[in-house]
C-alpha atoms as a PDB file:
ATOM      1  CA  MET A   1     188.587 -97.440-186.599  1.00  0.00           C
ATOM      2  CA  ALA A   2     190.650 -96.924-183.100  1.00  0.00           C
ATOM      3  CA  SER A   3     189.592 -99.443-180.506  1.00  0.00           C
ATOM      4  CA  PRO A   4     187.073 -97.141-177.955  1.00  0.00           C
ATOM      5  CA  GLU A   5     188.459 -96.670-174.730  1.00  0.00           C
ATOM      6  CA  HIS A   6     186.966 -98.666-171.881  1.00  0.00           C
ATOM      7  CA  PRO A   7     184.832 -96.560-168.975  1.00  0.00           C
ATOM      8  CA  GLY A   8     186.904 -94.864-166.722  1.00  0.00           C
ATOM      9  CA  SER A   9     190.006 -94.947-168.961  1.00  0.00           C
ATOM     10  CA  PRO A  10     191.814 -91.415-170.069  1.00  0.00           C
ATOM     11  CA  GLY A  11     189.975 -91.631-173.583  1.00  0.00           C
ATOM     12  CA  TRP A  12     186.706 -92.384-172.253  1.00  0.00           C
ATOM     13  CA  LYS A  13     184.149 -89.896-173.289  1.00  0.00           C
ATOM     14  CA  GLY A  14     181.723 -90.192-170.679  1.00  0.00           C
ATOM     15  CA  PRO A  15     177.988 -89.826-171.156  1.00  0.00           C
ATOM     16  CA  ILE A  16     176.923 -88.362-174.388  1.00  0.00           C
ATOM     17  CA  THR A  17     173.003 -87.054-174.296  1.00  0.00           C
ATOM     18  CA  GLN A  18     171.122 -86.370-177.481  1.00  0.00           C
ATOM     19  CA  CYS A  19     168.516 -83.911-176.955  1.00  0.00           C
ATOM     20  CA  THR A  20     165.938 -83.332-179.392  1.00  0.00           C
ATOM     21  CA  ALA A  21     162.818 -81.034-179.379  1.00  0.00           C
ATOM     22  CA  ARG A  22     159.691 -82.891-178.651  1.00  0.00           C
ATOM     23  CA  THR A  23     157.464 -83.090-181.840  1.00  0.00           C
ATOM     24  CA  LYS A  24     153.880 -81.249-181.144  1.00  0.00           C
ATOM     25  CA  GLN A  25     151.380 -83.792-180.399  1.00  0.00           C
ATOM     26  CA  GLU A  26     148.515 -84.653-182.343  1.00  0.00           C
ATOM     27  CA  ALA A  27     144.902 -84.073-180.841  1.00  0.00           C
ATOM     28  CA  PRO A  28     143.966 -87.041-178.760  1.00  0.00           C
ATOM     29  CA  ALA A  29     141.406 -88.525-180.887  1.00  0.00           C
ATOM     30  CA  THR A  30     143.425 -88.914-183.947  1.00  0.00           C
ATOM     31  CA  GLY A  31     146.072 -91.364-185.182  1.00  0.00           C
ATOM     32  CA  PRO A  32     147.501 -94.817-184.061  1.00  0.00           C
ATOM     33  CA  ASP A  33     149.546 -92.893-181.550  1.00  0.00           C
ATOM     34  CA  LEU A  34     146.893 -91.364-179.341  1.00  0.00           C
ATOM     35  CA  LEU A  35     148.816 -92.374-176.290  1.00  0.00           C
ATOM     36  CA  HIS A  36     149.769 -88.861-175.037  1.00  0.00           C
ATOM     37  CA  PRO A  37     152.811 -87.895-172.421  1.00  0.00           C
ATOM     38  CA  GLY A  38     152.503 -90.275-169.197  1.00  0.00           C
ATOM     39  CA  PRO A  39     155.266 -89.268-166.979  1.00  0.00           C
ATOM     40  CA  ASP A  40     154.955 -85.451-165.930  1.00  0.00           C
ATOM     41  CA  GLY A  41     153.776 -84.592-169.925  1.00  0.00           C
ATOM     42  CA  HIS A  42     156.306 -86.606-172.226  1.00  0.00           C
ATOM     43  CA  LEU A  43     155.676 -90.446-173.394  1.00  0.00           C
ATOM     44  CA  ASP A  44     157.652 -89.291-176.837  1.00  0.00           C
ATOM     45  CA  THR A  45     154.824 -91.549-178.814  1.00  0.00           C
ATOM     46  CA  HIS A  46     156.212 -89.114-181.797  1.00  0.00           C
ATOM     47  CA  SER A  47     159.677 -89.480-181.363  1.00  0.00           C
ATOM     48  CA  GLY A  48     159.751 -92.306-183.775  1.00  0.00           C
ATOM     49  CA  LEU A  49     162.757 -92.660-186.183  1.00  0.00           C
ATOM     50  CA  SER A  50     165.533 -90.151-185.856  1.00  0.00           C
ATOM     51  CA  SER A  51     165.757 -87.776-189.133  1.00  0.00           C
ATOM     52  CA  ASN A  52     169.506 -88.970-189.241  1.00  0.00           C
ATOM     53  CA  SER A  53     169.182 -92.508-189.008  1.00  0.00           C
ATOM     54  CA  SER A  54     171.613 -94.291-191.078  1.00  0.00           C
ATOM     55  CA  MET A  55     168.926 -96.905-192.412  1.00  0.00           C
ATOM     56  CA  THR A  56     168.449 -97.510-195.865  1.00  0.00           C
ATOM     57  CA  THR A  57     164.843 -97.270-197.205  1.00  0.00           C
ATOM     58  CA  ARG A  58     164.731-100.909-197.279  1.00  0.00           C
ATOM     59  CA  GLU A  59     165.595-101.119-193.870  1.00  0.00           C
ATOM     60  CA  LEU A  60     163.255 -98.489-192.723  1.00  0.00           C
ATOM     61  CA  GLN A  61     160.483-100.240-194.919  1.00  0.00           C
ATOM     62  CA  GLN A  62     161.415-103.644-192.881  1.00  0.00           C
ATOM     63  CA  TYR A  63     161.613-102.080-189.556  1.00  0.00           C
ATOM     64  CA  TRP A  64     158.086-100.302-189.853  1.00  0.00           C
ATOM     65  CA  GLN A  65     156.695-103.755-190.985  1.00  0.00           C
ATOM     66  CA  LYS A  66     158.066-105.125-187.830  1.00  0.00           C
ATOM     67  CA  GLU A  67     156.633-102.345-185.853  1.00  0.00           C
ATOM     68  CA  LYS A  68     153.244-102.766-187.184  1.00  0.00           C
ATOM     69  CA  CYS A  69     153.311-106.377-185.976  1.00  0.00           C
ATOM     70  CA  HIS A  70     153.876-104.935-182.482  1.00  0.00           C
ATOM     71  CA  TRP A  71     151.090-102.592-182.591  1.00  0.00           C
ATOM     72  CA  LYS A  72     148.546-105.555-182.665  1.00  0.00           C
ATOM     73  CA  HIS A  73     145.828-105.107-180.164  1.00  0.00           C
ATOM     74  CA  VAL A  74     146.413-106.582-176.867  1.00  0.00           C
ATOM     75  CA  LYS A  75     142.915-107.761-175.724  1.00  0.00           C
ATOM     76  CA  LEU A  76     142.283-106.951-171.472  1.00  0.00           C
ATOM     77  CA  LEU A  77     139.812-108.146-169.231  1.00  0.00           C
ATOM     78  CA  PHE A  78     138.864-106.006-166.321  1.00  0.00           C
ATOM     79  CA  GLU A  79     137.274-107.920-163.149  1.00  0.00           C
ATOM     80  CA  ILE A  80     136.626-106.011-160.006  1.00  0.00           C
ATOM     81  CA  ALA A  81     137.083-109.216-157.804  1.00  0.00           C
ATOM     82  CA  SER A  82     136.318-107.499-154.364  1.00  0.00           C
ATOM     83  CA  ALA A  83     135.630-104.159-152.231  1.00  0.00           C
ATOM     84  CA  ARG A  84     136.161-103.054-148.579  1.00  0.00           C
ATOM     85  CA  ILE A  85     135.247-100.093-146.695  1.00  0.00           C
ATOM     86  CA  GLU A  86     138.426 -98.602-145.101  1.00  0.00           C
ATOM     87  CA  GLU A  87     137.827 -95.721-142.396  1.00  0.00           C
ATOM     88  CA  ARG A  88     140.302 -93.106-141.469  1.00  0.00           C
ATOM     89  CA  LYS A  89     140.152 -90.533-138.751  1.00  0.00           C
ATOM     90  CA  VAL A  90     138.307 -87.979-141.280  1.00  0.00           C
ATOM     91  CA  SER A  91     137.114 -90.166-143.854  1.00  0.00           C
ATOM     92  CA  LYS A  92     135.597 -93.187-145.034  1.00  0.00           C
ATOM     93  CA  PHE A  93     135.695 -94.672-148.673  1.00  0.00           C
ATOM     94  CA  VAL A  94     135.290 -97.912-150.468  1.00  0.00           C
ATOM     95  CA  VAL A  95     138.379 -99.435-151.983  1.00  0.00           C
ATOM     96  CA  TYR A  96     137.850-101.913-155.032  1.00  0.00           C
ATOM     97  CA  GLN A  97     140.524-104.388-156.354  1.00  0.00           C
ATOM     98  CA  ILE A  98     141.044-104.394-160.014  1.00  0.00           C
ATOM     99  CA  ILE A  99     142.360-107.309-161.956  1.00  0.00           C
ATOM    100  CA  VAL A 100     143.330-107.053-165.566  1.00  0.00           C
ATOM    101  CA  ILE A 101     144.456-110.112-167.331  1.00  0.00           C
ATOM    102  CA  GLN A 102     145.450-110.606-171.190  1.00  0.00           C
ATOM    103  CA  THR A 103     142.857-112.830-172.636  1.00  0.00           C
ATOM    104  CA  GLY A 104     143.512-115.173-175.539  1.00  0.00           C
ATOM    105  CA  SER A 105     146.285-116.914-173.939  1.00  0.00           C
ATOM    106  CA  PHE A 106     147.767-118.086-170.359  1.00  0.00           C
ATOM    107  CA  ASP A 107     148.689-114.699-168.238  1.00  0.00           C
ATOM    108  CA  ASN A 108     151.048-115.223-165.870  1.00  0.00           C
ATOM    109  CA  ASN A 109     151.480-111.797-165.263  1.00  0.00           C
ATOM    110  CA  LYS A 110     147.821-110.507-164.297  1.00  0.00           C
ATOM    111  CA  ALA A 111     147.861-106.718-162.948  1.00  0.00           C
ATOM    112  CA  VAL A 112     146.019-106.501-159.096  1.00  0.00           C
ATOM    113  CA  LEU A 113     145.525-102.718-158.380  1.00  0.00           C
ATOM    114  CA  GLU A 114     143.165-100.967-156.229  1.00  0.00           C
ATOM    115  CA  ARG A 115     141.399 -97.808-156.397  1.00  0.00           C
ATOM    116  CA  ARG A 116     138.531 -95.620-154.770  1.00  0.00           C
ATOM    117  CA  TYR A 117     135.271 -94.409-156.383  1.00  0.00           C
ATOM    118  CA  SER A 118     136.869 -91.204-156.205  1.00  0.00           C
ATOM    119  CA  ASP A 119     139.649 -92.308-158.606  1.00  0.00           C
ATOM    120  CA  PHE A 120     136.739 -93.448-161.160  1.00  0.00           C
ATOM    121  CA  ALA A 121     135.017 -90.087-160.690  1.00  0.00           C
ATOM    122  CA  LYS A 122     138.300 -88.304-161.533  1.00  0.00           C
ATOM    123  CA  LEU A 123     138.834 -90.222-164.567  1.00  0.00           C
ATOM    124  CA  GLN A 124     135.374 -89.952-165.892  1.00  0.00           C
ATOM    125  CA  LYS A 125     135.775 -86.021-165.567  1.00  0.00           C
ATOM    126  CA  ALA A 126     139.196 -85.874-167.165  1.00  0.00           C
ATOM    127  CA  LEU A 127     137.606 -88.346-170.210  1.00  0.00           C
ATOM    128  CA  LEU A 128     134.732 -86.034-170.690  1.00  0.00           C
ATOM    129  CA  LYS A 129     136.962 -82.970-171.439  1.00  0.00           C
ATOM    130  CA  THR A 130     138.342 -84.904-174.244  1.00  0.00           C
ATOM    131  CA  PHE A 131     136.173 -87.781-175.242  1.00  0.00           C
ATOM    132  CA  ARG A 132     132.560 -86.319-174.540  1.00  0.00           C
ATOM    133  CA  GLU A 133     131.202 -87.839-177.764  1.00  0.00           C
ATOM    134  CA  GLU A 134     133.047 -91.038-177.812  1.00  0.00           C
ATOM    135  CA  ILE A 135     132.085 -91.942-174.252  1.00  0.00           C
ATOM    136  CA  GLU A 136     128.370 -90.646-174.295  1.00  0.00           C
ATOM    137  CA  ASP A 137     126.840 -94.118-174.428  1.00  0.00           C
ATOM    138  CA  VAL A 138     128.934 -95.407-171.534  1.00  0.00           C
ATOM    139  CA  GLU A 139     127.336 -95.275-168.223  1.00  0.00           C
ATOM    140  CA  PHE A 140     129.104 -93.952-165.159  1.00  0.00           C
ATOM    141  CA  PRO A 141     127.898 -95.449-161.988  1.00  0.00           C
ATOM    142  CA  ARG A 142     126.793 -92.343-159.586  1.00  0.00           C
ATOM    143  CA  LYS A 143     126.737 -91.796-155.900  1.00  0.00           C
ATOM    144  CA  HIS A 144     123.840 -92.585-153.971  1.00  0.00           C
ATOM    145  CA  LEU A 145     122.249 -89.925-151.495  1.00  0.00           C
ATOM    146  CA  THR A 146     122.576 -92.610-149.021  1.00  0.00           C
ATOM    147  CA  GLY A 147     123.520 -96.185-148.180  1.00  0.00           C
ATOM    148  CA  ASN A 148     126.663 -95.985-150.102  1.00  0.00           C
ATOM    149  CA  PHE A 149     128.376 -98.458-147.585  1.00  0.00           C
ATOM    150  CA  ALA A 150     125.563-100.795-147.604  1.00  0.00           C
ATOM    151  CA  GLU A 151     126.864-104.441-148.660  1.00  0.00           C
ATOM    152  CA  GLU A 152     124.222-104.572-151.558  1.00  0.00           C
ATOM    153  CA  ILE A 153     124.866-100.874-153.093  1.00  0.00           C
ATOM    154  CA  ILE A 154     128.821-101.938-153.072  1.00  0.00           C
ATOM    155  CA  CYS A 155     128.224-104.918-154.762  1.00  0.00           C
ATOM    156  CA  GLU A 156     125.933-103.420-157.389  1.00  0.00           C
ATOM    157  CA  ARG A 157     128.517-100.540-157.670  1.00  0.00           C
ATOM    158  CA  ARG A 158     131.481-103.091-157.956  1.00  0.00           C
ATOM    159  CA  ARG A 159     129.725-104.738-161.078  1.00  0.00           C
ATOM    160  CA  ALA A 160     128.683-101.643-162.602  1.00  0.00           C
ATOM    161  CA  LEU A 161     132.385-100.289-162.219  1.00  0.00           C
ATOM    162  CA  GLN A 162     133.401-103.443-163.775  1.00  0.00           C
ATOM    163  CA  ASP A 163     131.624-102.988-166.920  1.00  0.00           C
ATOM    164  CA  TYR A 164     132.471 -98.980-166.968  1.00  0.00           C
ATOM    165  CA  LEU A 165     136.039-100.341-167.698  1.00  0.00           C
ATOM    166  CA  GLY A 166     135.208-102.405-170.329  1.00  0.00           C
ATOM    167  CA  LEU A 167     133.058-100.446-172.223  1.00  0.00           C
ATOM    168  CA  LEU A 168     135.560 -97.539-172.057  1.00  0.00           C
ATOM    169  CA  TYR A 169     138.565-100.024-172.906  1.00  0.00           C
ATOM    170  CA  ALA A 170     136.422-101.073-176.187  1.00  0.00           C
ATOM    171  CA  ILE A 171     136.784 -97.724-177.360  1.00  0.00           C
ATOM    172  CA  ARG A 172     139.930 -97.528-179.261  1.00  0.00           C
ATOM    173  CA  CYS A 173     140.880 -93.970-178.535  1.00  0.00           C
ATOM    174  CA  VAL A 174     139.800 -94.052-175.028  1.00  0.00           C
ATOM    175  CA  ARG A 175     142.092 -97.054-174.014  1.00  0.00           C
ATOM    176  CA  ARG A 176     145.334 -95.530-175.871  1.00  0.00           C
ATOM    177  CA  SER A 177     144.321 -92.343-174.090  1.00  0.00           C
ATOM    178  CA  ARG A 178     146.711 -90.957-171.199  1.00  0.00           C
ATOM    179  CA  GLU A 179     143.620 -90.545-168.900  1.00  0.00           C
ATOM    180  CA  PHE A 180     143.367 -94.321-169.286  1.00  0.00           C
ATOM    181  CA  LEU A 181     146.810 -95.023-168.751  1.00  0.00           C
ATOM    182  CA  ASP A 182     147.484 -92.904-165.743  1.00  0.00           C
ATOM    183  CA  PHE A 183     144.339 -94.327-164.103  1.00  0.00           C
ATOM    184  CA  LEU A 184     145.409 -97.761-164.367  1.00  0.00           C
ATOM    185  CA  THR A 185     149.314 -96.972-163.699  1.00  0.00           C
ATOM    186  CA  ARG A 186     150.023 -93.557-162.316  1.00  0.00           C
ATOM    187  CA  PRO A 187     149.856 -93.980-158.769  1.00  0.00           C
ATOM    188  CA  GLU A 188     152.074 -96.971-158.765  1.00  0.00           C
ATOM    189  CA  LEU A 189     154.701 -95.350-160.980  1.00  0.00           C
ATOM    190  CA  ARG A 190     154.645 -92.320-159.001  1.00  0.00           C
ATOM    191  CA  GLU A 191     155.246 -94.125-155.794  1.00  0.00           C
ATOM    192  CA  ALA A 192     157.857 -96.056-157.536  1.00  0.00           C
ATOM    193  CA  PHE A 193     159.629 -93.386-158.934  1.00  0.00           C
ATOM    194  CA  GLY A 194     159.438 -91.538-155.397  1.00  0.00           C
ATOM    195  CA  CYS A 195     161.202 -94.451-153.751  1.00  0.00           C
ATOM    196  CA  LEU A 196     163.851 -94.467-156.364  1.00  0.00           C
ATOM    197  CA  ARG A 197     164.694 -90.836-155.800  1.00  0.00           C
ATOM    198  CA  ALA A 198     164.792 -91.792-152.073  1.00  0.00           C
ATOM    199  CA  GLY A 199     167.217 -94.461-152.707  1.00  0.00           C
ATOM    200  CA  GLN A 200     164.407 -96.910-151.476  1.00  0.00           C
ATOM    201  CA  TYR A 201     165.657 -99.412-154.372  1.00  0.00           C
ATOM    202  CA  PRO A 202     163.866-102.901-153.160  1.00  0.00           C
ATOM    203  CA  ARG A 203     160.626-100.781-152.656  1.00  0.00           C
ATOM    204  CA  ALA A 204     160.719 -99.017-155.983  1.00  0.00           C
ATOM    205  CA  LEU A 205     161.953-102.587-157.560  1.00  0.00           C
ATOM    206  CA  GLU A 206     158.626-104.275-156.304  1.00  0.00           C
ATOM    207  CA  LEU A 207     156.241-101.731-157.337  1.00  0.00           C
ATOM    208  CA  LEU A 208     157.764-101.311-161.015  1.00  0.00           C
ATOM    209  CA  LEU A 209     158.049-105.075-161.730  1.00  0.00           C
ATOM    210  CA  ARG A 210     154.232-104.962-160.424  1.00  0.00           C
ATOM    211  CA  VAL A 211     153.023-102.347-162.877  1.00  0.00           C
ATOM    212  CA  LEU A 212     155.369-102.831-165.610  1.00  0.00           C
ATOM    213  CA  PRO A 213     153.583-105.493-167.335  1.00  0.00           C
ATOM    214  CA  LEU A 214     150.138-103.852-167.403  1.00  0.00           C
ATOM    215  CA  GLN A 215     151.982-100.501-168.631  1.00  0.00           C
ATOM    216  CA  GLU A 216     153.540-102.710-171.639  1.00  0.00           C
ATOM    217  CA  LYS A 217     150.191-104.328-172.230  1.00  0.00           C
ATOM    218  CA  LEU A 218     148.339-101.054-172.188  1.00  0.00           C
ATOM    219  CA  THR A 219     151.204 -99.552-174.662  1.00  0.00           C
ATOM    220  CA  ALA A 220     152.106-102.434-176.819  1.00  0.00           C
ATOM    221  CA  HIS A 221     151.218 -99.991-180.160  1.00  0.00           C
ATOM    222  CA  CYS A 222     153.717 -97.605-178.608  1.00  0.00           C
ATOM    223  CA  PRO A 223     157.002 -99.669-177.543  1.00  0.00           C
ATOM    224  CA  ALA A 224     159.098 -96.321-176.255  1.00  0.00           C
ATOM    225  CA  ALA A 225     156.072 -95.586-173.900  1.00  0.00           C
ATOM    226  CA  ALA A 226     157.496 -98.096-171.159  1.00  0.00           C
ATOM    227  CA  VAL A 227     161.277 -97.074-171.421  1.00  0.00           C
ATOM    228  CA  PRO A 228     161.340 -94.458-168.527  1.00  0.00           C
ATOM    229  CA  ALA A 229     159.843 -97.456-166.230  1.00  0.00           C
ATOM    230  CA  LEU A 230     162.414-100.165-167.768  1.00  0.00           C
ATOM    231  CA  CYS A 231     165.184 -97.508-166.918  1.00  0.00           C
ATOM    232  CA  ALA A 232     164.287 -97.494-163.444  1.00  0.00           C
ATOM    233  CA  VAL A 233     164.518-101.035-163.266  1.00  0.00           C
ATOM    234  CA  LEU A 234     167.715-100.813-164.770  1.00  0.00           C
ATOM    235  CA  LEU A 235     169.021 -98.338-162.048  1.00  0.00           C
ATOM    236  CA  CYS A 236     167.268 -99.991-159.236  1.00  0.00           C
ATOM    237  CA  HIS A 237     169.273-103.512-160.053  1.00  0.00           C
ATOM    238  CA  ARG A 238     172.440-101.450-160.806  1.00  0.00           C
ATOM    239  CA  ASP A 239     172.355 -99.716-157.624  1.00  0.00           C
ATOM    240  CA  LEU A 240     171.470-102.814-155.516  1.00  0.00           C
ATOM    241  CA  ASP A 241     174.723-104.487-157.091  1.00  0.00           C
ATOM    242  CA  ARG A 242     172.859-106.772-159.678  1.00  0.00           C
ATOM    243  CA  PRO A 243     174.683-105.813-162.853  1.00  0.00           C
ATOM    244  CA  ALA A 244     173.256-108.523-164.977  1.00  0.00           C
ATOM    245  CA  GLU A 245     169.581-107.915-164.130  1.00  0.00           C
ATOM    246  CA  ALA A 246     170.315-104.278-164.719  1.00  0.00           C
ATOM    247  CA  PHE A 247     171.740-105.336-168.243  1.00  0.00           C
ATOM    248  CA  ALA A 248     168.764-107.379-169.077  1.00  0.00           C
ATOM    249  CA  ALA A 249     166.518-104.352-168.196  1.00  0.00           C
ATOM    250  CA  GLY A 250     168.456-102.086-170.518  1.00  0.00           C
ATOM    251  CA  GLU A 251     168.275-104.655-173.170  1.00  0.00           C
ATOM    252  CA  ARG A 252     164.405-104.507-172.895  1.00  0.00           C
ATOM    253  CA  ALA A 253     164.552-100.641-173.283  1.00  0.00           C
ATOM    254  CA  LEU A 254     167.029-100.427-175.984  1.00  0.00           C
ATOM    255  CA  GLN A 255     164.736-102.797-177.835  1.00  0.00           C
ATOM    256  CA  ARG A 256     161.858-100.142-177.777  1.00  0.00           C
ATOM    257  CA  LEU A 257     164.149 -97.679-178.868  1.00  0.00           C
ATOM    258  CA  GLN A 258     165.221 -99.399-182.215  1.00  0.00           C
ATOM    259  CA  ALA A 259     165.784 -96.543-184.759  1.00  0.00           C
ATOM    260  CA  ARG A 260     165.183 -93.977-182.296  1.00  0.00           C
ATOM    261  CA  GLU A 261     168.050 -92.185-181.998  1.00  0.00           C
ATOM    262  CA  GLY A 262     166.582 -88.941-181.450  1.00  0.00           C
ATOM    263  CA  HIS A 263     164.677 -90.450-178.258  1.00  0.00           C
ATOM    264  CA  ARG A 264     165.911 -88.527-175.112  1.00  0.00           C
ATOM    265  CA  TYR A 265     166.630 -91.692-173.644  1.00  0.00           C
ATOM    266  CA  TYR A 266     168.612 -93.083-176.437  1.00  0.00           C
ATOM    267  CA  ALA A 267     172.258 -91.849-175.683  1.00  0.00           C
ATOM    268  CA  PRO A 268     172.094 -91.690-171.678  1.00  0.00           C
ATOM    269  CA  LEU A 269     170.692 -95.500-171.916  1.00  0.00           C
ATOM    270  CA  LEU A 270     173.732 -96.634-174.218  1.00  0.00           C
ATOM    271  CA  ASP A 271     176.127 -94.697-172.194  1.00  0.00           C
ATOM    272  CA  ALA A 272     174.649 -96.819-168.865  1.00  0.00           C
ATOM    273  CA  MET A 273     174.770 -99.876-170.935  1.00  0.00           C
ATOM    274  CA  VAL A 274     178.542 -99.582-172.356  1.00  0.00           C
ATOM    275  CA  ARG A 275     179.621 -99.522-168.422  1.00  0.00           C
ATOM    276  CA  LEU A 276     177.377-102.427-167.295  1.00  0.00           C
ATOM    277  CA  ALA A 277     178.619-104.359-170.558  1.00  0.00           C
ATOM    278  CA  TYR A 278     182.242-103.562-169.298  1.00  0.00           C
ATOM    279  CA  ALA A 279     181.599-104.548-165.792  1.00  0.00           C
ATOM    280  CA  LEU A 280     180.113-107.778-166.678  1.00  0.00           C
ATOM    281  CA  GLY A 281     182.774-108.565-169.335  1.00  0.00           C
ATOM    282  CA  LYS A 282     180.296-108.340-172.249  1.00  0.00           C
ATOM    283  CA  ASP A 283     180.976-106.723-175.690  1.00  0.00           C
ATOM    284  CA  PHE A 284     180.801-103.062-174.774  1.00  0.00           C
ATOM    285  CA  VAL A 285     182.220-101.767-178.102  1.00  0.00           C
ATOM    286  CA  SER A 286     179.422-102.244-180.447  1.00  0.00           C
ATOM    287  CA  LEU A 287     177.658-100.331-177.652  1.00  0.00           C
ATOM    288  CA  GLN A 288     179.985 -97.529-177.552  1.00  0.00           C
ATOM    289  CA  GLU A 289     180.167 -97.238-181.192  1.00  0.00           C
ATOM    290  CA  ARG A 290     176.457 -96.940-181.298  1.00  0.00           C
ATOM    291  CA  LEU A 291     176.940 -93.961-178.945  1.00  0.00           C
ATOM    292  CA  GLU A 292     179.892 -92.375-181.040  1.00  0.00           C
ATOM    293  CA  GLU A 293     177.882 -93.007-184.383  1.00  0.00           C
ATOM    294  CA  SER A 294     174.675 -91.175-182.549  1.00  0.00           C
ATOM    295  CA  GLN A 295     176.890 -88.260-181.521  1.00  0.00           C
ATOM    296  CA  LEU A 296     178.421 -88.145-184.906  1.00  0.00           C
ATOM    297  CA  ARG A 297     174.982 -87.846-186.427  1.00  0.00           C
ATOM    298  CA  ARG A 298     173.355 -85.107-183.719  1.00  0.00           C
ATOM    299  CA  PRO A 299     176.507 -83.734-182.081  1.00  0.00           C
ATOM    300  CA  MET A 300     175.443 -82.661-178.543  1.00  0.00           C
ATOM    301  CA  PRO A 301     177.418 -81.477-175.888  1.00  0.00           C
ATOM    302  CA  ARG A 302     177.981 -83.493-172.766  1.00  0.00           C
ATOM    303  CA  GLY A 303     174.652 -84.607-171.049  1.00  0.00           C
ATOM    304  CA  ILE A 304     172.857 -85.915-167.913  1.00  0.00           C
ATOM    305  CA  THR A 305     173.318 -89.333-166.959  1.00  0.00           C
ATOM    306  CA  LEU A 306     170.526 -91.722-167.151  1.00  0.00           C
ATOM    307  CA  LYS A 307     169.820 -91.608-163.324  1.00  0.00           C
ATOM    308  CA  GLU A 308     169.566 -87.853-163.691  1.00  0.00           C
ATOM    309  CA  LEU A 309     167.324 -88.058-166.253  1.00  0.00           C
ATOM    310  CA  THR A 310     164.714 -91.211-165.057  1.00  0.00           C
ATOM    311  CA  VAL A 311     164.468 -89.335-161.402  1.00  0.00           C
ATOM    312  CA  ARG A 312     162.700 -86.578-163.192  1.00  0.00           C
ATOM    313  CA  GLU A 313     159.705 -88.653-163.975  1.00  0.00           C
ATOM    314  CA  TYR A 314     156.415 -88.439-162.205  1.00  0.00           C
ATOM    315  CA  LEU A 315     157.399 -85.631-159.877  1.00  0.00           C
ATOM    316  CA  HIS A 316     153.715 -83.994-160.081  1.00  0.00           C
END
């Protein structure tokens, strides 16, 4: 095989994008991949292995055995540590600080997020549409007619909402649902991707690095779920002239796309990694060969770049 051209040379093929039809999602309460699309309706939990994968049967068996090890349930603990009253010109509400930590080991990546009571109410309403029977024994703390801002009532509701999250998390189909994941990660991810689109890379990176550990813990059974956010981290570092950090984020994303040549991020990510590897003096040839082999198995016209794909996430 002739040596691949380096990025920017006359023979450089440029980005090659593979696009595959999205597999129809299963009903929310079935199967191990209950996590449904997060970013704007597509999380590709079922994109799985490419139908044209070059792996042998034995290699496929070994791959899936390894994957199942990664699907082991990550146990999380939810604590609502504090609550505060916020007053705006036309509204007054209580903000609850939620701390999420992984149990069973020291967790130096605890997540800290804030949600209003109305956010909890929206979660409950969404879950009732899909999991009414599953959560029929889970009590949701209701609003009082009066006294909602009394210290005693706020403390009581804080404890009740903490118990509520713990009970929801104990139900397998609920903790893997899009509704539960969106409640815990979507506000931060939406703001981060908005900053990415606006070119506010430091702020986008700050938000992404804060929410990514939680997203990865919540989607441990679905490695590809965190790929869009990891690609956003790559782009932020790259556009801030930090190629080494960008390459490291890309390697993490590629690990989650092993044997998933059909995933919509696979080819654009590989193309970006080839360019980063070349700039860093790393082995870009093997990455480019993977890109070319992917194109040979699934011929596709010249496609969009990784940035063009990533900025489309979390638009709504």
